[in-house]
Amino acid sequence: MLIKEGAHLVEDTQDILNVLHIKGKKAPEKPSMSEKEKRVWETLKEGALPIEVLMEKCHLTLQEAYSLLLQMELKGLIAKRGGNIFTRRAL
């Protein structure tokens, strides 16, 4: 019944683009970063770090750190692991 109504098999995003007749994949835009976000981003090059270490290395208060890290997480720049440990995501 679904096939008669025009249903399509979707296994990945390219299948959706094909159904919508959109050619090629668009590269996602790189999110903009504030100076503090850039500092955190560069610090996380070392690997996953706990929030206390990020606060010390980036000269942030606890409130600043939580706010900044949440914003970065929502932008898809970083990921939070258990135990308040943060890591970079690939752009």
PDB file of N, CA and C in Angstrom:
ATOM      1  N   MET A   1       0.826  -1.179   0.000  1.00  0.00           N
ATOM      2  CA  MET A   1       0.000   0.000   0.000  1.00  0.00           C
ATOM      3  C   MET A   1       0.886   1.265   0.000  1.00  0.00           C
ATOM      4  N   LEU A   2       1.923   1.290   0.869  1.00  0.00           N
ATOM      5  CA  LEU A   2       2.804   2.453   0.927  1.00  0.00           C
ATOM      6  C   LEU A   2       3.524   2.685  -0.395  1.00  0.00           C
ATOM      7  N   ILE A   3       3.962   1.596  -1.036  1.00  0.00           N
ATOM      8  CA  ILE A   3       4.658   1.734  -2.311  1.00  0.00           C
ATOM      9  C   ILE A   3       3.715   2.297  -3.372  1.00  0.00           C
ATOM     10  N   LYS A   4       2.472   1.854  -3.369  1.00  0.00           N
ATOM     11  CA  LYS A   4       1.486   2.393  -4.312  1.00  0.00           C
ATOM     12  C   LYS A   4       1.284   3.892  -4.102  1.00  0.00           C
ATOM     13  N   GLU A   5       1.418   4.341  -2.854  1.00  0.00           N
ATOM     14  CA  GLU A   5       1.228   5.753  -2.538  1.00  0.00           C
ATOM     15  C   GLU A   5       2.490   6.583  -2.775  1.00  0.00           C
ATOM     16  N   GLY A   6       3.565   5.929  -3.214  1.00  0.00           N
ATOM     17  CA  GLY A   6       4.777   6.664  -3.558  1.00  0.00           C
ATOM     18  C   GLY A   6       5.862   6.640  -2.501  1.00  0.00           C
ATOM     19  N   ALA A   7       5.816   5.688  -1.581  1.00  0.00           N
ATOM     20  CA  ALA A   7       6.848   5.596  -0.542  1.00  0.00           C
ATOM     21  C   ALA A   7       8.199   5.243  -1.171  1.00  0.00           C
ATOM     22  N   HIS A   8       9.267   5.696  -0.530  1.00  0.00           N
ATOM     23  CA  HIS A   8      10.630   5.432  -1.002  1.00  0.00           C
ATOM     24  C   HIS A   8      11.447   4.822   0.126  1.00  0.00           C
ATOM     25  N   LEU A   9      12.394   3.970  -0.271  1.00  0.00           N
ATOM     26  CA  LEU A   9      13.334   3.412   0.695  1.00  0.00           C
ATOM     27  C   LEU A   9      14.360   4.482   1.049  1.00  0.00           C
ATOM     28  N   VAL A  10      14.572   4.710   2.335  1.00  0.00           N
ATOM     29  CA  VAL A  10      15.552   5.698   2.783  1.00  0.00           C
ATOM     30  C   VAL A  10      16.548   5.003   3.703  1.00  0.00           C
ATOM     31  N   GLU A  11      17.801   4.940   3.239  1.00  0.00           N
ATOM     32  CA  GLU A  11      18.856   4.339   4.033  1.00  0.00           C
ATOM     33  C   GLU A  11      19.848   5.371   4.542  1.00  0.00           C
ATOM     34  N   ASP A  12      19.927   6.511   3.864  1.00  0.00           N
ATOM     35  CA  ASP A  12      20.826   7.578   4.301  1.00  0.00           C
ATOM     36  C   ASP A  12      20.332   8.918   3.761  1.00  0.00           C
ATOM     37  N   THR A  13      21.056   9.977   4.090  1.00  0.00           N
ATOM     38  CA  THR A  13      20.624  11.322   3.687  1.00  0.00           C
ATOM     39  C   THR A  13      20.633  11.503   2.176  1.00  0.00           C
ATOM     40  N   GLN A  14      21.524  10.819   1.486  1.00  0.00           N
ATOM     41  CA  GLN A  14      21.578  10.944   0.024  1.00  0.00           C
ATOM     42  C   GLN A  14      20.273  10.455  -0.599  1.00  0.00           C
ATOM     43  N   ASP A  15      19.655   9.416  -0.031  1.00  0.00           N
ATOM     44  CA  ASP A  15      18.367   8.938  -0.537  1.00  0.00           C
ATOM     45  C   ASP A  15      17.305  10.027  -0.452  1.00  0.00           C
ATOM     46  N   ILE A  16      17.304  10.782   0.629  1.00  0.00           N
ATOM     47  CA  ILE A  16      16.336  11.872   0.792  1.00  0.00           C
ATOM     48  C   ILE A  16      16.611  12.970  -0.236  1.00  0.00           C
ATOM     49  N   LEU A  17      17.886  13.318  -0.415  1.00  0.00           N
ATOM     50  CA  LEU A  17      18.245  14.334  -1.404  1.00  0.00           C
ATOM     51  C   LEU A  17      17.812  13.909  -2.805  1.00  0.00           C
ATOM     52  N   ASN A  18      17.969  12.629  -3.122  1.00  0.00           N
ATOM     53  CA  ASN A  18      17.564  12.132  -4.434  1.00  0.00           C
ATOM     54  C   ASN A  18      16.056  12.248  -4.633  1.00  0.00           C
ATOM     55  N   VAL A  19      15.273  11.884  -3.640  1.00  0.00           N
ATOM     56  CA  VAL A  19      13.818  11.967  -3.731  1.00  0.00           C
ATOM     57  C   VAL A  19      13.378  13.414  -3.920  1.00  0.00           C
ATOM     58  N   LEU A  20      14.070  14.330  -3.257  1.00  0.00           N
ATOM     59  CA  LEU A  20      13.731  15.753  -3.349  1.00  0.00           C
ATOM     60  C   LEU A  20      14.371  16.422  -4.565  1.00  0.00           C
ATOM     61  N   HIS A  21      15.099  15.639  -5.374  1.00  0.00           N
ATOM     62  CA  HIS A  21      15.772  16.129  -6.580  1.00  0.00           C
ATOM     63  C   HIS A  21      16.780  17.226  -6.270  1.00  0.00           C
ATOM     64  N   ILE A  22      17.523  17.034  -5.195  1.00  0.00           N
ATOM     65  CA  ILE A  22      18.589  17.954  -4.821  1.00  0.00           C
ATOM     66  C   ILE A  22      19.898  17.301  -5.223  1.00  0.00           C
ATOM     67  N   LYS A  23      20.659  17.986  -6.052  1.00  0.00           N
ATOM     68  CA  LYS A  23      21.903  17.427  -6.583  1.00  0.00           C
ATOM     69  C   LYS A  23      23.052  17.606  -5.606  1.00  0.00           C
ATOM     70  N   GLY A  24      23.813  16.548  -5.385  1.00  0.00           N
ATOM     71  CA  GLY A  24      25.023  16.608  -4.568  1.00  0.00           C
ATOM     72  C   GLY A  24      24.742  16.869  -3.104  1.00  0.00           C
ATOM     73  N   LYS A  25      25.782  16.748  -2.344  1.00  0.00           N
ATOM     74  CA  LYS A  25      25.703  17.008  -0.907  1.00  0.00           C
ATOM     75  C   LYS A  25      26.237  18.395  -0.634  1.00  0.00           C
ATOM     76  N   LYS A  26      25.524  19.140   0.154  1.00  0.00           N
ATOM     77  CA  LYS A  26      26.008  20.456   0.572  1.00  0.00           C
ATOM     78  C   LYS A  26      26.860  20.287   1.809  1.00  0.00           C
ATOM     79  N   ALA A  27      27.993  20.922   1.804  1.00  0.00           N
ATOM     80  CA  ALA A  27      28.858  20.873   2.985  1.00  0.00           C
ATOM     81  C   ALA A  27      28.229  21.718   4.082  1.00  0.00           C
ATOM     82  N   PRO A  28      28.144  21.190   5.288  1.00  0.00           N
ATOM     83  CA  PRO A  28      27.568  21.983   6.375  1.00  0.00           C
ATOM     84  C   PRO A  28      28.439  23.203   6.666  1.00  0.00           C
ATOM     85  N   GLU A  29      27.772  24.274   7.030  1.00  0.00           N
ATOM     86  CA  GLU A  29      28.509  25.489   7.357  1.00  0.00           C
ATOM     87  C   GLU A  29      29.242  25.304   8.679  1.00  0.00           C
ATOM     88  N   LYS A  30      30.447  25.839   8.719  1.00  0.00           N
ATOM     89  CA  LYS A  30      31.239  25.781   9.942  1.00  0.00           C
ATOM     90  C   LYS A  30      30.677  26.813  10.916  1.00  0.00           C
ATOM     91  N   PRO A  31      30.290  26.391  12.108  1.00  0.00           N
ATOM     92  CA  PRO A  31      29.724  27.348  13.061  1.00  0.00           C
ATOM     93  C   PRO A  31      30.745  28.411  13.464  1.00  0.00           C
ATOM     94  N   SER A  32      30.257  29.622  13.660  1.00  0.00           N
ATOM     95  CA  SER A  32      31.151  30.682  14.116  1.00  0.00           C
ATOM     96  C   SER A  32      31.437  30.488  15.601  1.00  0.00           C
ATOM     97  N   MET A  33      32.606  30.942  16.017  1.00  0.00           N
ATOM     98  CA  MET A  33      32.999  30.793  17.419  1.00  0.00           C
ATOM     99  C   MET A  33      33.449  32.129  17.981  1.00  0.00           C
ATOM    100  N   SER A  34      33.089  32.364  19.235  1.00  0.00           N
ATOM    101  CA  SER A  34      33.574  33.540  19.946  1.00  0.00           C
ATOM    102  C   SER A  34      35.034  33.290  20.332  1.00  0.00           C
ATOM    103  N   GLU A  35      35.689  34.324  20.843  1.00  0.00           N
ATOM    104  CA  GLU A  35      37.095  34.171  21.251  1.00  0.00           C
ATOM    105  C   GLU A  35      37.236  33.114  22.351  1.00  0.00           C
ATOM    106  N   LYS A  36      36.312  33.122  23.311  1.00  0.00           N
ATOM    107  CA  LYS A  36      36.383  32.127  24.392  1.00  0.00           C
ATOM    108  C   LYS A  36      36.148  30.726  23.851  1.00  0.00           C
ATOM    109  N   GLU A  37      35.198  30.594  22.911  1.00  0.00           N
ATOM    110  CA  GLU A  37      34.951  29.284  22.315  1.00  0.00           C
ATOM    111  C   GLU A  37      36.179  28.796  21.552  1.00  0.00           C
ATOM    112  N   LYS A  38      36.851  29.690  20.847  1.00  0.00           N
ATOM    113  CA  LYS A  38      38.075  29.323  20.125  1.00  0.00           C
ATOM    114  C   LYS A  38      39.149  28.846  21.092  1.00  0.00           C
ATOM    115  N   ARG A  39      39.239  29.518  22.246  1.00  0.00           N
ATOM    116  CA  ARG A  39      40.225  29.133  23.257  1.00  0.00           C
ATOM    117  C   ARG A  39      39.936  27.724  23.771  1.00  0.00           C
ATOM    118  N   VAL A  40      38.666  27.443  24.061  1.00  0.00           N
ATOM    119  CA  VAL A  40      38.278  26.101  24.525  1.00  0.00           C
ATOM    120  C   VAL A  40      38.545  25.085  23.421  1.00  0.00           C
ATOM    121  N   TRP A  41      38.160  25.422  22.180  1.00  0.00           N
ATOM    122  CA  TRP A  41      38.353  24.529  21.033  1.00  0.00           C
ATOM    123  C   TRP A  41      39.828  24.150  20.884  1.00  0.00           C
ATOM    124  N   GLU A  42      40.705  25.139  20.970  1.00  0.00           N
ATOM    125  CA  GLU A  42      42.137  24.881  20.841  1.00  0.00           C
ATOM    126  C   GLU A  42      42.663  24.050  22.011  1.00  0.00           C
ATOM    127  N   THR A  43      42.155  24.311  23.199  1.00  0.00           N
ATOM    128  CA  THR A  43      42.577  23.555  24.380  1.00  0.00           C
ATOM    129  C   THR A  43      42.174  22.089  24.258  1.00  0.00           C
ATOM    130  N   LEU A  44      41.018  21.830  23.657  1.00  0.00           N
ATOM    131  CA  LEU A  44      40.542  20.454  23.509  1.00  0.00           C
ATOM    132  C   LEU A  44      41.276  19.684  22.418  1.00  0.00           C
ATOM    133  N   LYS A  45      42.223  20.338  21.723  1.00  0.00           N
ATOM    134  CA  LYS A  45      43.071  19.618  20.763  1.00  0.00           C
ATOM    135  C   LYS A  45      43.871  18.538  21.475  1.00  0.00           C
ATOM    136  N   GLU A  46      44.170  18.797  22.762  1.00  0.00           N
ATOM    137  CA  GLU A  46      44.951  17.851  23.574  1.00  0.00           C
ATOM    138  C   GLU A  46      44.207  16.545  23.777  1.00  0.00           C
ATOM    139  N   GLY A  47      42.896  16.564  23.612  1.00  0.00           N
ATOM    140  CA  GLY A  47      42.059  15.391  23.848  1.00  0.00           C
ATOM    141  C   GLY A  47      40.967  15.732  24.834  1.00  0.00           C
ATOM    142  N   ALA A  48      40.244  14.729  25.262  1.00  0.00           N
ATOM    143  CA  ALA A  48      39.144  14.923  26.205  1.00  0.00           C
ATOM    144  C   ALA A  48      39.674  15.453  27.535  1.00  0.00           C
ATOM    145  N   LEU A  49      38.988  16.475  28.070  1.00  0.00           N
ATOM    146  CA  LEU A  49      39.420  17.086  29.331  1.00  0.00           C
ATOM    147  C   LEU A  49      38.233  17.310  30.251  1.00  0.00           C
ATOM    148  N   PRO A  50      38.455  17.177  31.564  1.00  0.00           N
ATOM    149  CA  PRO A  50      37.398  17.503  32.528  1.00  0.00           C
ATOM    150  C   PRO A  50      37.191  19.008  32.616  1.00  0.00           C
ATOM    151  N   ILE A  51      36.010  19.400  33.046  1.00  0.00           N
ATOM    152  CA  ILE A  51      35.660  20.814  33.108  1.00  0.00           C
ATOM    153  C   ILE A  51      36.624  21.610  33.985  1.00  0.00           C
ATOM    154  N   GLU A  52      37.119  21.014  35.056  1.00  0.00           N
ATOM    155  CA  GLU A  52      38.043  21.722  35.945  1.00  0.00           C
ATOM    156  C   GLU A  52      39.321  22.125  35.215  1.00  0.00           C
ATOM    157  N   VAL A  53      39.823  21.232  34.373  1.00  0.00           N
ATOM    158  CA  VAL A  53      41.046  21.515  33.612  1.00  0.00           C
ATOM    159  C   VAL A  53      40.773  22.611  32.579  1.00  0.00           C
ATOM    160  N   LEU A  54      39.614  22.528  31.910  1.00  0.00           N
ATOM    161  CA  LEU A  54      39.253  23.565  30.942  1.00  0.00           C
ATOM    162  C   LEU A  54      39.124  24.926  31.619  1.00  0.00           C
ATOM    163  N   MET A  55      38.529  24.938  32.811  1.00  0.00           N
ATOM    164  CA  MET A  55      38.389  26.196  33.553  1.00  0.00           C
ATOM    165  C   MET A  55      39.759  26.802  33.833  1.00  0.00           C
ATOM    166  N   GLU A  56      40.675  25.968  34.270  1.00  0.00           N
ATOM    167  CA  GLU A  56      42.014  26.452  34.622  1.00  0.00           C
ATOM    168  C   GLU A  56      42.779  26.930  33.389  1.00  0.00           C
ATOM    169  N   LYS A  57      42.793  26.112  32.333  1.00  0.00           N
ATOM    170  CA  LYS A  57      43.569  26.446  31.144  1.00  0.00           C
ATOM    171  C   LYS A  57      42.981  27.616  30.366  1.00  0.00           C
ATOM    172  N   CYS A  58      41.664  27.779  30.413  1.00  0.00           N
ATOM    173  CA  CYS A  58      41.001  28.840  29.639  1.00  0.00           C
ATOM    174  C   CYS A  58      40.622  30.040  30.497  1.00  0.00           C
ATOM    175  N   HIS A  59      40.965  29.989  31.777  1.00  0.00           N
ATOM    176  CA  HIS A  59      40.686  31.094  32.711  1.00  0.00           C
ATOM    177  C   HIS A  59      39.189  31.434  32.751  1.00  0.00           C
ATOM    178  N   LEU A  60      38.376  30.407  33.048  1.00  0.00           N
ATOM    179  CA  LEU A  60      36.930  30.571  33.102  1.00  0.00           C
ATOM    180  C   LEU A  60      36.416  30.281  34.502  1.00  0.00           C
ATOM    181  N   THR A  61      35.351  30.979  34.889  1.00  0.00           N
ATOM    182  CA  THR A  61      34.667  30.637  36.136  1.00  0.00           C
ATOM    183  C   THR A  61      33.792  29.418  35.856  1.00  0.00           C
ATOM    184  N   LEU A  62      33.277  28.797  36.897  1.00  0.00           N
ATOM    185  CA  LEU A  62      32.413  27.633  36.721  1.00  0.00           C
ATOM    186  C   LEU A  62      31.175  28.002  35.907  1.00  0.00           C
ATOM    187  N   GLN A  63      30.576  29.136  36.224  1.00  0.00           N
ATOM    188  CA  GLN A  63      29.383  29.581  35.507  1.00  0.00           C
ATOM    189  C   GLN A  63      29.699  29.842  34.024  1.00  0.00           C
ATOM    190  N   GLU A  64      30.811  30.526  33.755  1.00  0.00           N
ATOM    191  CA  GLU A  64      31.213  30.783  32.371  1.00  0.00           C
ATOM    192  C   GLU A  64      31.457  29.471  31.617  1.00  0.00           C
ATOM    193  N   ALA A  65      32.137  28.552  32.291  1.00  0.00           N
ATOM    194  CA  ALA A  65      32.476  27.283  31.658  1.00  0.00           C
ATOM    195  C   ALA A  65      31.218  26.509  31.286  1.00  0.00           C
ATOM    196  N   TYR A  66      30.282  26.363  32.216  1.00  0.00           N
ATOM    197  CA  TYR A  66      29.057  25.613  31.923  1.00  0.00           C
ATOM    198  C   TYR A  66      28.263  26.275  30.804  1.00  0.00           C
ATOM    199  N   SER A  67      28.143  27.587  30.829  1.00  0.00           N
ATOM    200  CA  SER A  67      27.401  28.302  29.800  1.00  0.00           C
ATOM    201  C   SER A  67      28.074  28.141  28.439  1.00  0.00           C
ATOM    202  N   LEU A  68      29.363  28.359  28.397  1.00  0.00           N
ATOM    203  CA  LEU A  68      30.127  28.266  27.161  1.00  0.00           C
ATOM    204  C   LEU A  68      30.102  26.849  26.586  1.00  0.00           C
ATOM    205  N   LEU A  69      30.313  25.859  27.449  1.00  0.00           N
ATOM    206  CA  LEU A  69      30.340  24.470  26.994  1.00  0.00           C
ATOM    207  C   LEU A  69      28.971  24.019  26.489  1.00  0.00           C
ATOM    208  N   LEU A  70      27.903  24.488  27.121  1.00  0.00           N
ATOM    209  CA  LEU A  70      26.561  24.158  26.650  1.00  0.00           C
ATOM    210  C   LEU A  70      26.329  24.759  25.265  1.00  0.00           C
ATOM    211  N   GLN A  71      26.715  26.016  25.085  1.00  0.00           N
ATOM    212  CA  GLN A  71      26.568  26.658  23.771  1.00  0.00           C
ATOM    213  C   GLN A  71      27.348  25.897  22.707  1.00  0.00           C
ATOM    214  N   MET A  72      28.551  25.491  23.038  1.00  0.00           N
ATOM    215  CA  MET A  72      29.384  24.762  22.087  1.00  0.00           C
ATOM    216  C   MET A  72      28.808  23.382  21.783  1.00  0.00           C
ATOM    217  N   GLU A  73      28.221  22.766  22.789  1.00  0.00           N
ATOM    218  CA  GLU A  73      27.600  21.459  22.596  1.00  0.00           C
ATOM    219  C   GLU A  73      26.383  21.588  21.669  1.00  0.00           C
ATOM    220  N   LEU A  74      25.586  22.628  21.861  1.00  0.00           N
ATOM    221  CA  LEU A  74      24.420  22.856  21.016  1.00  0.00           C
ATOM    222  C   LEU A  74      24.812  23.173  19.576  1.00  0.00           C
ATOM    223  N   LYS A  75      25.953  23.795  19.385  1.00  0.00           N
ATOM    224  CA  LYS A  75      26.456  24.092  18.035  1.00  0.00           C
ATOM    225  C   LYS A  75      27.058  22.858  17.376  1.00  0.00           C
ATOM    226  N   GLY A  76      27.237  21.797  18.149  1.00  0.00           N
ATOM    227  CA  GLY A  76      27.837  20.581  17.608  1.00  0.00           C
ATOM    228  C   GLY A  76      29.349  20.603  17.568  1.00  0.00           C
ATOM    229  N   LEU A  77      29.954  21.529  18.310  1.00  0.00           N
ATOM    230  CA  LEU A  77      31.411  21.649  18.321  1.00  0.00           C
ATOM    231  C   LEU A  77      32.071  20.651  19.262  1.00  0.00           C
ATOM    232  N   ILE A  78      31.412  20.367  20.370  1.00  0.00           N
ATOM    233  CA  ILE A  78      31.986  19.479  21.383  1.00  0.00           C
ATOM    234  C   ILE A  78      30.942  18.464  21.824  1.00  0.00           C
ATOM    235  N   ALA A  79      31.399  17.448  22.513  1.00  0.00           N
ATOM    236  CA  ALA A  79      30.514  16.444  23.091  1.00  0.00           C
ATOM    237  C   ALA A  79      30.872  16.281  24.564  1.00  0.00           C
ATOM    238  N   LYS A  80      29.855  16.032  25.368  1.00  0.00           N
ATOM    239  CA  LYS A  80      30.064  15.822  26.799  1.00  0.00           C
ATOM    240  C   LYS A  80      30.031  14.332  27.089  1.00  0.00           C
ATOM    241  N   ARG A  81      31.043  13.882  27.782  1.00  0.00           N
ATOM    242  CA  ARG A  81      31.095  12.490  28.234  1.00  0.00           C
ATOM    243  C   ARG A  81      30.716  12.452  29.701  1.00  0.00           C
ATOM    244  N   GLY A  82      30.604  11.288  30.247  1.00  0.00           N
ATOM    245  CA  GLY A  82      30.303  11.163  31.666  1.00  0.00           C
ATOM    246  C   GLY A  82      31.381  11.803  32.519  1.00  0.00           C
ATOM    247  N   GLY A  83      31.001  12.275  33.690  1.00  0.00           N
ATOM    248  CA  GLY A  83      31.961  12.862  34.615  1.00  0.00           C
ATOM    249  C   GLY A  83      32.412  14.258  34.230  1.00  0.00           C
ATOM    250  N   ASN A  84      31.569  14.997  33.498  1.00  0.00           N
ATOM    251  CA  ASN A  84      31.900  16.362  33.069  1.00  0.00           C
ATOM    252  C   ASN A  84      33.211  16.427  32.288  1.00  0.00           C
ATOM    253  N   ILE A  85      33.393  15.468  31.402  1.00  0.00           N
ATOM    254  CA  ILE A  85      34.561  15.445  30.519  1.00  0.00           C
ATOM    255  C   ILE A  85      34.078  15.839  29.123  1.00  0.00           C
ATOM    256  N   PHE A  86      34.829  16.726  28.487  1.00  0.00           N
ATOM    257  CA  PHE A  86      34.432  17.250  27.187  1.00  0.00           C
ATOM    258  C   PHE A  86      35.471  16.923  26.136  1.00  0.00           C
ATOM    259  N   THR A  87      35.002  16.742  24.905  1.00  0.00           N
ATOM    260  CA  THR A  87      35.875  16.404  23.789  1.00  0.00           C
ATOM    261  C   THR A  87      35.403  17.149  22.540  1.00  0.00           C
ATOM    262  N   ARG A  88      36.307  17.357  21.613  1.00  0.00           N
ATOM    263  CA  ARG A  88      35.968  18.016  20.342  1.00  0.00           C
ATOM    264  C   ARG A  88      35.220  17.053  19.436  1.00  0.00           C
ATOM    265  N   ARG A  89      34.368  17.627  18.592  1.00  0.00           N
ATOM    266  CA  ARG A  89      33.752  16.872  17.510  1.00  0.00           C
ATOM    267  C   ARG A  89      34.397  17.330  16.215  1.00  0.00           C
ATOM    268  N   ALA A  90      34.421  16.465  15.233  1.00  0.00           N
ATOM    269  CA  ALA A  90      34.990  16.838  13.942  1.00  0.00           C
ATOM    270  C   ALA A  90      34.077  17.823  13.232  1.00  0.00           C
ATOM    271  N   LEU A  91      34.659  18.815  12.602  1.00  0.00           N
ATOM    272  CA  LEU A  91      33.867  19.797  11.835  1.00  0.00           C
ATOM    273  C   LEU A  91      33.807  19.414  10.385  1.00  0.00           C
TER     274      LEU A  91
END
